[in-house]
C-alpha atoms as a PDB file:
ATOM      1  CA  MET A   1      77.639  89.286 -94.703  1.00  0.00           C
ATOM      2  CA  ARG A   2      76.660  86.756 -92.087  1.00  0.00           C
ATOM      3  CA  ILE A   3      78.976  85.678 -89.278  1.00  0.00           C
ATOM      4  CA  GLY A   4      80.265  82.614 -91.140  1.00  0.00           C
ATOM      5  CA  GLU A   5      81.025  84.684 -94.217  1.00  0.00           C
ATOM      6  CA  ILE A   6      82.956  87.410 -92.400  1.00  0.00           C
ATOM      7  CA  ALA A   7      84.861  84.803 -90.390  1.00  0.00           C
ATOM      8  CA  ALA A   8      85.869  82.948 -93.567  1.00  0.00           C
ATOM      9  CA  LEU A   9      86.801  86.194 -95.311  1.00  0.00           C
ATOM     10  CA  VAL A  10      89.133  87.332 -92.527  1.00  0.00           C
ATOM     11  CA  GLY A  11      90.428  83.869 -91.670  1.00  0.00           C
ATOM     12  CA  VAL A  12      89.126  83.437 -88.131  1.00  0.00           C
ATOM     13  CA  THR A  13      86.539  81.171 -86.553  1.00  0.00           C
ATOM     14  CA  THR A  14      82.965  82.166 -85.834  1.00  0.00           C
ATOM     15  CA  ARG A  15      83.751  81.433 -82.196  1.00  0.00           C
ATOM     16  CA  ALA A  16      86.493  84.068 -82.294  1.00  0.00           C
ATOM     17  CA  VAL A  17      84.076  86.601 -83.801  1.00  0.00           C
ATOM     18  CA  ARG A  18      81.565  85.944 -81.029  1.00  0.00           C
ATOM     19  CA  HIS A  19      84.327  86.251 -78.425  1.00  0.00           C
ATOM     20  CA  TYR A  20      85.410  89.620 -79.803  1.00  0.00           C
ATOM     21  CA  HIS A  21      81.777  90.730 -79.561  1.00  0.00           C
ATOM     22  CA  HIS A  22      81.606  89.456 -75.985  1.00  0.00           C
ATOM     23  CA  VAL A  23      84.726  91.357 -74.834  1.00  0.00           C
ATOM     24  CA  GLY A  24      83.738  94.508 -76.672  1.00  0.00           C
ATOM     25  CA  LEU A  25      86.477  94.561 -79.319  1.00  0.00           C
ATOM     26  CA  LEU A  26      84.091  94.097 -82.229  1.00  0.00           C
ATOM     27  CA  PRO A  27      80.823  96.068 -81.988  1.00  0.00           C
ATOM     28  CA  GLU A  28      77.616  94.134 -82.601  1.00  0.00           C
ATOM     29  CA  PRO A  29      76.353  94.854 -86.125  1.00  0.00           C
ATOM     30  CA  ARG A  30      72.740  95.551 -86.909  1.00  0.00           C
ATOM     31  CA  ARG A  31      70.484  92.525 -87.121  1.00  0.00           C
ATOM     32  CA  LEU A  32      68.167  91.630 -89.941  1.00  0.00           C
ATOM     33  CA  ALA A  33      64.479  90.948 -89.438  1.00  0.00           C
ATOM     34  CA  ASN A  34      65.235  87.239 -89.101  1.00  0.00           C
ATOM     35  CA  GLY A  35      67.675  87.956 -86.256  1.00  0.00           C
ATOM     36  CA  TYR A  36      70.904  87.286 -88.174  1.00  0.00           C
ATOM     37  CA  ARG A  37      73.795  89.701 -87.801  1.00  0.00           C
ATOM     38  CA  ALA A  38      74.524  91.744 -90.950  1.00  0.00           C
ATOM     39  CA  TYR A  39      78.237  92.573 -91.232  1.00  0.00           C
ATOM     40  CA  THR A  40      79.681  95.288 -93.467  1.00  0.00           C
ATOM     41  CA  VAL A  41      83.054  95.844 -95.109  1.00  0.00           C
ATOM     42  CA  ARG A  42      84.018  98.133 -92.226  1.00  0.00           C
ATOM     43  CA  ASP A  43      83.299  95.292 -89.790  1.00  0.00           C
ATOM     44  CA  ALA A  44      85.564  93.024 -91.856  1.00  0.00           C
ATOM     45  CA  VAL A  45      88.343  95.615 -91.832  1.00  0.00           C
ATOM     46  CA  LEU A  46      88.086  95.952 -88.053  1.00  0.00           C
ATOM     47  CA  LEU A  47      88.071  92.179 -87.583  1.00  0.00           C
ATOM     48  CA  ALA A  48      91.151  91.857 -89.817  1.00  0.00           C
ATOM     49  CA  ARG A  49      92.842  94.558 -87.733  1.00  0.00           C
ATOM     50  CA  ILE A  50      92.087  92.627 -84.537  1.00  0.00           C
ATOM     51  CA  ARG A  51      93.433  89.422 -86.033  1.00  0.00           C
ATOM     52  CA  ARG A  52      96.651  91.111 -87.186  1.00  0.00           C
ATOM     53  CA  LEU A  53      97.298  92.730 -83.808  1.00  0.00           C
ATOM     54  CA  THR A  54      96.756  89.482 -81.904  1.00  0.00           C
ATOM     55  CA  GLU A  55      99.105  87.684 -84.318  1.00  0.00           C
ATOM     56  CA  LEU A  56     101.745  90.262 -83.442  1.00  0.00           C
ATOM     57  CA  GLY A  57     101.460  89.127 -79.821  1.00  0.00           C
ATOM     58  CA  LEU A  58      99.333  91.919 -78.367  1.00  0.00           C
ATOM     59  CA  SER A  59      96.929  91.058 -75.576  1.00  0.00           C
ATOM     60  CA  LEU A  60      93.248  91.850 -76.057  1.00  0.00           C
ATOM     61  CA  ASP A  61      93.578  94.826 -73.712  1.00  0.00           C
ATOM     62  CA  GLU A  62      96.475  96.131 -75.813  1.00  0.00           C
ATOM     63  CA  VAL A  63      94.450  95.573 -78.973  1.00  0.00           C
ATOM     64  CA  ARG A  64      91.637  97.596 -77.407  1.00  0.00           C
ATOM     65  CA  ASP A  65      94.025 100.519 -76.819  1.00  0.00           C
ATOM     66  CA  VAL A  66      95.284 100.425 -80.409  1.00  0.00           C
ATOM     67  CA  LEU A  67      91.746 100.321 -81.782  1.00  0.00           C
ATOM     68  CA  ALA A  68      90.781 103.269 -79.611  1.00  0.00           C
ATOM     69  CA  ASP A  69      93.625 105.258 -81.172  1.00  0.00           C
ATOM     70  CA  ASP A  70      92.392 104.197 -84.631  1.00  0.00           C
ATOM     71  CA  ALA A  71      88.810 105.295 -83.982  1.00  0.00           C
ATOM     72  CA  GLY A  72      89.202 108.670 -85.682  1.00  0.00           C
ATOM     73  CA  ARG A  73      91.185 107.429 -88.665  1.00  0.00           C
ATOM     74  CA  GLU A  74      89.815 107.211 -92.162  1.00  0.00           C
ATOM     75  CA  LEU A  75      88.963 103.772 -93.516  1.00  0.00           C
ATOM     76  CA  ALA A  76      91.428 104.291 -96.380  1.00  0.00           C
ATOM     77  CA  ASP A  77      94.288 104.798 -93.893  1.00  0.00           C
ATOM     78  CA  VAL A  78      93.446 101.601 -92.015  1.00  0.00           C
ATOM     79  CA  LEU A  79      93.172  99.683 -95.293  1.00  0.00           C
ATOM     80  CA  GLU A  80      96.566 101.001 -96.376  1.00  0.00           C
ATOM     81  CA  GLU A  81      98.146  99.852 -93.117  1.00  0.00           C
ATOM     82  CA  LEU A  82      96.539  96.422 -93.436  1.00  0.00           C
ATOM     83  CA  ASP A  83      97.832  96.157 -96.988  1.00  0.00           C
ATOM     84  CA  ALA A  84     101.350  97.020 -95.792  1.00  0.00           C
ATOM     85  CA  ASP A  85     101.063  94.349 -93.089  1.00  0.00           C
ATOM     86  CA  LEU A  86     100.046  91.775 -95.686  1.00  0.00           C
ATOM     87  CA  ALA A  87     102.948  92.806 -97.924  1.00  0.00           C
ATOM     88  CA  ARG A  88     105.380  92.189 -95.049  1.00  0.00           C
ATOM     89  CA  GLN A  89     103.822  88.781 -94.405  1.00  0.00           C
ATOM     90  CA  GLU A  90     104.106  87.909 -98.100  1.00  0.00           C
ATOM     91  CA  ALA A  91     107.779  88.929 -98.155  1.00  0.00           C
ATOM     92  CA  ALA A  92     108.518  86.819 -95.058  1.00  0.00           C
ATOM     93  CA  LEU A  93     106.662  83.852 -96.542  1.00  0.00           C
ATOM     94  CA  ARG A  94     108.505  84.249 -99.854  1.00  0.00           C
ATOM     95  CA  GLU A  95     111.865  84.222 -98.047  1.00  0.00           C
ATOM     96  CA  ARG A  96     110.905  81.089 -96.118  1.00  0.00           C
ATOM     97  CA  ARG A  97     109.863  79.363 -99.353  1.00  0.00           C
ATOM     98  CA  GLU A  98     113.150  80.337-101.017  1.00  0.00           C
ATOM     99  CA  ARG A  99     115.072  78.795 -98.109  1.00  0.00           C
ATOM    100  CA  LEU A 100     112.906  75.677 -98.331  1.00  0.00           C
ATOM    101  CA  ALA A 101     113.561  75.447-102.080  1.00  0.00           C
ATOM    102  CA  ALA A 102     117.311  75.666-101.481  1.00  0.00           C
ATOM    103  CA  LEU A 103     117.050  72.950 -98.844  1.00  0.00           C
ATOM    104  CA  ARG A 104     115.083  70.692-101.188  1.00  0.00           C
ATOM    105  CA  GLU A 105     117.607  71.215-103.990  1.00  0.00           C
ATOM    106  CA  ALA A 106     120.355  70.142-101.600  1.00  0.00           C
ATOM    107  CA  GLY A 107     118.452  66.945-100.896  1.00  0.00           C
ATOM    108  CA  GLY A 108     117.632  68.005 -97.343  1.00  0.00           C
ATOM    109  CA  ASP A 109     121.258  67.731 -96.236  1.00  0.00           C
ATOM    110  CA  ALA A 110     122.071  71.452 -96.049  1.00  0.00           C
ATOM    111  CA  GLU A 111     121.101  73.968 -93.433  1.00  0.00           C
ATOM    112  CA  ALA A 112     118.245  76.274 -94.483  1.00  0.00           C
ATOM    113  CA  VAL A 113     120.339  79.322 -93.687  1.00  0.00           C
ATOM    114  CA  PRO A 114     121.625  82.353 -95.623  1.00  0.00           C
ATOM    115  CA  PRO A 115     124.639  81.661 -97.879  1.00  0.00           C
ATOM    116  CA  ALA A 116     126.974  83.777 -95.711  1.00  0.00           C
ATOM    117  CA  LEU A 117     126.140  81.758 -92.591  1.00  0.00           C
ATOM    118  CA  ALA A 118     126.316  78.468 -94.504  1.00  0.00           C
ATOM    119  CA  ALA A 119     129.811  79.426 -95.689  1.00  0.00           C
ATOM    120  CA  LEU A 120     130.858  80.253 -92.126  1.00  0.00           C
ATOM    121  CA  LEU A 121     129.587  76.951 -90.742  1.00  0.00           C
ATOM    122  CA  ALA A 122     131.329  75.069 -93.564  1.00  0.00           C
ATOM    123  CA  ARG A 123     134.702  76.570 -92.576  1.00  0.00           C
ATOM    124  CA  ALA A 124     134.511  75.260 -89.018  1.00  0.00           C
ATOM    125  CA  PRO A 125     136.563  72.054 -88.569  1.00  0.00           C
ATOM    126  CA  ALA A 126     134.834  68.900 -87.399  1.00  0.00           C
ATOM    127  CA  THR A 127     134.890  68.424 -83.625  1.00  0.00           C
ATOM    128  CA  ALA A 128     133.064  66.464 -80.945  1.00  0.00           C
ATOM    129  CA  SER A 129     133.179  69.424 -78.556  1.00  0.00           C
ATOM    130  CA  PRO A 130     129.771  70.034 -76.904  1.00  0.00           C
ATOM    131  CA  THR A 131     130.615  73.724 -76.583  1.00  0.00           C
ATOM    132  CA  ALA A 132     131.382  73.980 -80.308  1.00  0.00           C
ATOM    133  CA  ALA A 133     128.019  72.366 -81.056  1.00  0.00           C
ATOM    134  CA  LYS A 134     126.315  74.947 -78.853  1.00  0.00           C
ATOM    135  CA  ASP A 135     128.187  77.722 -80.622  1.00  0.00           C
ATOM    136  CA  ARG A 136     126.749  76.518 -83.925  1.00  0.00           C
ATOM    137  CA  GLU A 137     123.236  76.393 -82.465  1.00  0.00           C
ATOM    138  CA  HIS A 138     123.607  79.901 -81.065  1.00  0.00           C
ATOM    139  CA  LEU A 139     124.659  81.237 -84.465  1.00  0.00           C
ATOM    140  CA  LEU A 140     121.587  79.643 -86.036  1.00  0.00           C
ATOM    141  CA  LEU A 141     119.402  81.166 -83.334  1.00  0.00           C
ATOM    142  CA  LEU A 142     121.019  84.578 -83.744  1.00  0.00           C
ATOM    143  CA  ASP A 143     120.337  84.454 -87.478  1.00  0.00           C
ATOM    144  CA  THR A 144     116.743  83.341 -86.956  1.00  0.00           C
ATOM    145  CA  VAL A 145     115.948  86.261 -84.640  1.00  0.00           C
ATOM    146  CA  GLY A 146     117.660  88.770 -86.916  1.00  0.00           C
ATOM    147  CA  GLY A 147     120.832  89.448 -84.933  1.00  0.00           C
ATOM    148  CA  GLY A 148     123.388  88.156 -87.425  1.00  0.00           C
ATOM    149  CA  GLY A 149     124.282  89.419 -90.870  1.00  0.00           C
ATOM    150  CA  ALA A 150     126.646  88.788 -93.763  1.00  0.00           C
ATOM    151  CA  GLU A 151     129.239  91.255 -92.435  1.00  0.00           C
ATOM    152  CA  LEU A 152     129.474  89.505 -89.079  1.00  0.00           C
ATOM    153  CA  TYR A 153     129.578  86.016 -90.637  1.00  0.00           C
ATOM    154  CA  ALA A 154     132.347  87.041 -93.029  1.00  0.00           C
ATOM    155  CA  ALA A 155     134.362  88.510 -90.161  1.00  0.00           C
ATOM    156  CA  LEU A 156     133.966  85.303 -88.130  1.00  0.00           C
ATOM    157  CA  GLY A 157     135.298  83.168 -90.989  1.00  0.00           C
ATOM    158  CA  ALA A 158     138.958  83.426 -89.984  1.00  0.00           C
ATOM    159  CA  LEU A 159     138.098  82.576 -86.377  1.00  0.00           C
ATOM    160  CA  ALA A 160     136.041  79.533 -87.392  1.00  0.00           C
ATOM    161  CA  ALA A 161     138.893  78.196 -89.496  1.00  0.00           C
ATOM    162  CA  ASP A 162     141.581  78.716 -86.828  1.00  0.00           C
ATOM    163  CA  PRO A 163     142.662  75.262 -85.494  1.00  0.00           C
ATOM    164  CA  ALA A 164     143.647  76.866 -82.173  1.00  0.00           C
ATOM    165  CA  VAL A 165     139.984  77.593 -81.488  1.00  0.00           C
ATOM    166  CA  LEU A 166     139.339  73.878 -81.027  1.00  0.00           C
ATOM    167  CA  GLY A 167     141.665  73.912 -78.029  1.00  0.00           C
ATOM    168  CA  LEU A 168     139.747  76.835 -76.542  1.00  0.00           C
ATOM    169  CA  TYR A 169     136.471  74.947 -77.012  1.00  0.00           C
ATOM    170  CA  GLU A 170     137.960  71.934 -75.232  1.00  0.00           C
ATOM    171  CA  ARG A 171     139.010  74.118 -72.302  1.00  0.00           C
ATOM    172  CA  LEU A 172     135.459  75.452 -72.121  1.00  0.00           C
ATOM    173  CA  ASP A 173     134.211  71.856 -72.096  1.00  0.00           C
ATOM    174  CA  GLU A 174     136.462  71.151 -69.102  1.00  0.00           C
ATOM    175  CA  LEU A 175     134.634  73.819 -67.091  1.00  0.00           C
ATOM    176  CA  ALA A 176     131.281  72.020 -67.346  1.00  0.00           C
ATOM    177  CA  ASP A 177     131.429  70.867 -63.725  1.00  0.00           C
ATOM    178  CA  ALA A 178     133.454  73.771 -62.308  1.00  0.00           C
ATOM    179  CA  PRO A 179     132.164  76.471 -59.931  1.00  0.00           C
ATOM    180  CA  ALA A 180     131.529  80.031 -61.128  1.00  0.00           C
ATOM    181  CA  ASP A 181     134.698  81.269 -59.374  1.00  0.00           C
ATOM    182  CA  ASP A 182     137.078  78.748 -60.957  1.00  0.00           C
ATOM    183  CA  PRO A 183     140.509  80.382 -61.458  1.00  0.00           C
ATOM    184  CA  ARG A 184     140.640  79.190 -65.073  1.00  0.00           C
ATOM    185  CA  ILE A 185     137.728  81.439 -66.081  1.00  0.00           C
ATOM    186  CA  GLY A 186     139.553  84.766 -66.386  1.00  0.00           C
ATOM    187  CA  PRO A 187     142.562  83.549 -68.397  1.00  0.00           C
ATOM    188  CA  LEU A 188     140.375  81.543 -70.778  1.00  0.00           C
ATOM    189  CA  ALA A 189     138.071  84.507 -71.383  1.00  0.00           C
ATOM    190  CA  ALA A 190     141.089  86.723 -72.114  1.00  0.00           C
ATOM    191  CA  GLU A 191     142.483  84.198 -74.614  1.00  0.00           C
ATOM    192  CA  LEU A 192     139.120  83.886 -76.340  1.00  0.00           C
ATOM    193  CA  ILE A 193     138.849  87.660 -76.734  1.00  0.00           C
ATOM    194  CA  ALA A 194     142.441  87.832 -78.019  1.00  0.00           C
ATOM    195  CA  ALA A 195     141.640  85.184 -80.647  1.00  0.00           C
ATOM    196  CA  VAL A 196     138.808  87.249 -82.162  1.00  0.00           C
ATOM    197  CA  PRO A 197     139.856  89.117 -85.348  1.00  0.00           C
ATOM    198  CA  ALA A 198     139.572  92.909 -85.316  1.00  0.00           C
ATOM    199  CA  GLU A 199     136.985  92.738 -88.119  1.00  0.00           C
ATOM    200  CA  VAL A 200     134.562  91.000 -85.762  1.00  0.00           C
ATOM    201  CA  PHE A 201     134.671  93.853 -83.255  1.00  0.00           C
ATOM    202  CA  ALA A 202     133.876  96.307 -86.046  1.00  0.00           C
ATOM    203  CA  ALA A 203     130.861  94.193 -87.099  1.00  0.00           C
ATOM    204  CA  ILE A 204     129.344  94.079 -83.598  1.00  0.00           C
ATOM    205  CA  PRO A 205     126.985  96.946 -82.628  1.00  0.00           C
ATOM    206  CA  ALA A 206     128.272  99.084 -79.748  1.00  0.00           C
ATOM    207  CA  GLU A 207     125.452  97.817 -77.525  1.00  0.00           C
ATOM    208  CA  GLY A 208     125.943  94.193 -78.576  1.00  0.00           C
ATOM    209  CA  PRO A 209     123.509  92.103 -80.663  1.00  0.00           C
ATOM    210  CA  ALA A 210     120.270  94.096 -80.736  1.00  0.00           C
ATOM    211  CA  VAL A 211     118.056  91.122 -79.886  1.00  0.00           C
ATOM    212  CA  PRO A 212     116.177  91.450 -76.584  1.00  0.00           C
ATOM    213  CA  GLY A 213     116.766  88.463 -74.326  1.00  0.00           C
ATOM    214  CA  PHE A 214     119.421  86.833 -76.528  1.00  0.00           C
ATOM    215  CA  LYS A 215     122.295  87.336 -74.093  1.00  0.00           C
ATOM    216  CA  GLU A 216     120.242  85.969 -71.196  1.00  0.00           C
ATOM    217  CA  ALA A 217     119.158  82.924 -73.215  1.00  0.00           C
ATOM    218  CA  LEU A 218     122.739  82.321 -74.308  1.00  0.00           C
ATOM    219  CA  LEU A 219     124.140  82.402 -70.771  1.00  0.00           C
ATOM    220  CA  ALA A 220     121.359  80.165 -69.469  1.00  0.00           C
ATOM    221  CA  ASP A 221     122.439  77.480 -71.941  1.00  0.00           C
ATOM    222  CA  PHE A 222     125.813  76.998 -70.192  1.00  0.00           C
ATOM    223  CA  GLU A 223     126.952  75.636 -66.848  1.00  0.00           C
ATOM    224  CA  PRO A 224     127.936  78.321 -64.254  1.00  0.00           C
ATOM    225  CA  ALA A 225     131.678  78.476 -64.953  1.00  0.00           C
ATOM    226  CA  GLN A 226     131.164  78.290 -68.707  1.00  0.00           C
ATOM    227  CA  ALA A 227     128.498  80.991 -68.533  1.00  0.00           C
ATOM    228  CA  GLU A 228     130.918  83.261 -66.675  1.00  0.00           C
ATOM    229  CA  VAL A 229     133.517  82.812 -69.419  1.00  0.00           C
ATOM    230  CA  VAL A 230     130.934  83.581 -72.103  1.00  0.00           C
ATOM    231  CA  ARG A 231     129.719  86.643 -70.185  1.00  0.00           C
ATOM    232  CA  LEU A 232     133.258  87.994 -69.866  1.00  0.00           C
ATOM    233  CA  VAL A 233     133.899  87.354 -73.556  1.00  0.00           C
ATOM    234  CA  MET A 234     130.673  89.078 -74.637  1.00  0.00           C
ATOM    235  CA  ASP A 235     131.309  92.082 -72.403  1.00  0.00           C
ATOM    236  CA  GLY A 236     134.939  92.258 -73.531  1.00  0.00           C
ATOM    237  CA  MET A 237     133.986  92.109 -77.206  1.00  0.00           C
ATOM    238  CA  ILE A 238     131.466  94.908 -76.791  1.00  0.00           C
ATOM    239  CA  GLU A 239     134.053  97.039 -75.017  1.00  0.00           C
ATOM    240  CA  ARG A 240     136.623  96.350 -77.745  1.00  0.00           C
ATOM    241  CA  GLY A 241     134.022  97.247 -80.347  1.00  0.00           C
ATOM    242  CA  ARG A 242     133.413 100.620 -78.709  1.00  0.00           C
ATOM    243  CA  ALA A 243     137.133 101.418 -78.550  1.00  0.00           C
END
């Protein structure tokens, strides 16, 4: 294979292939009498491995370390791993297409979310509360990054449908311009925790949602006093869940 052929086969550009040669990730193949590079199947497998690792977010130095560990492995083992990677990509793509199909069937008006989360969002009463809108966005984000689940959404159903929760949202809204030591923070956090059904605590992992950076991103989305309430609620819910 020539450079254009191997690049097309693996799904990268010829420029990328040359760059991988330049940085030493992809060894230079033998050259034909006319000076063209002659790539083999093993070169294609290695190039596909490099592409997959970079798509996973690894730096080129990290890719180099992984490839060094793979140096003594049989080609069949590497091919099997690549096949498993492709299977995972196919499954993820299939799920995305299924969600898209459901969205198209609904005329584009429904959220492209799992049925359990869609049912939860449907139970929430209409409100103009900015905090309630953020809560909805955070649930969508949590589901997207894999921190939700049908059990948690089902447990939150009673809370979403509780009219008293709207009053708690409004009190959170009132803290938008308050300092982080506002005296209303503690009592509001305690009332929010008390409003959460016991089933929710059972559905929360002991260490909280296992999504790195989610808690930090969540708190950063609120004003100081609001963030302090949310922090106290999250910590209190985790503690209740461990009890």
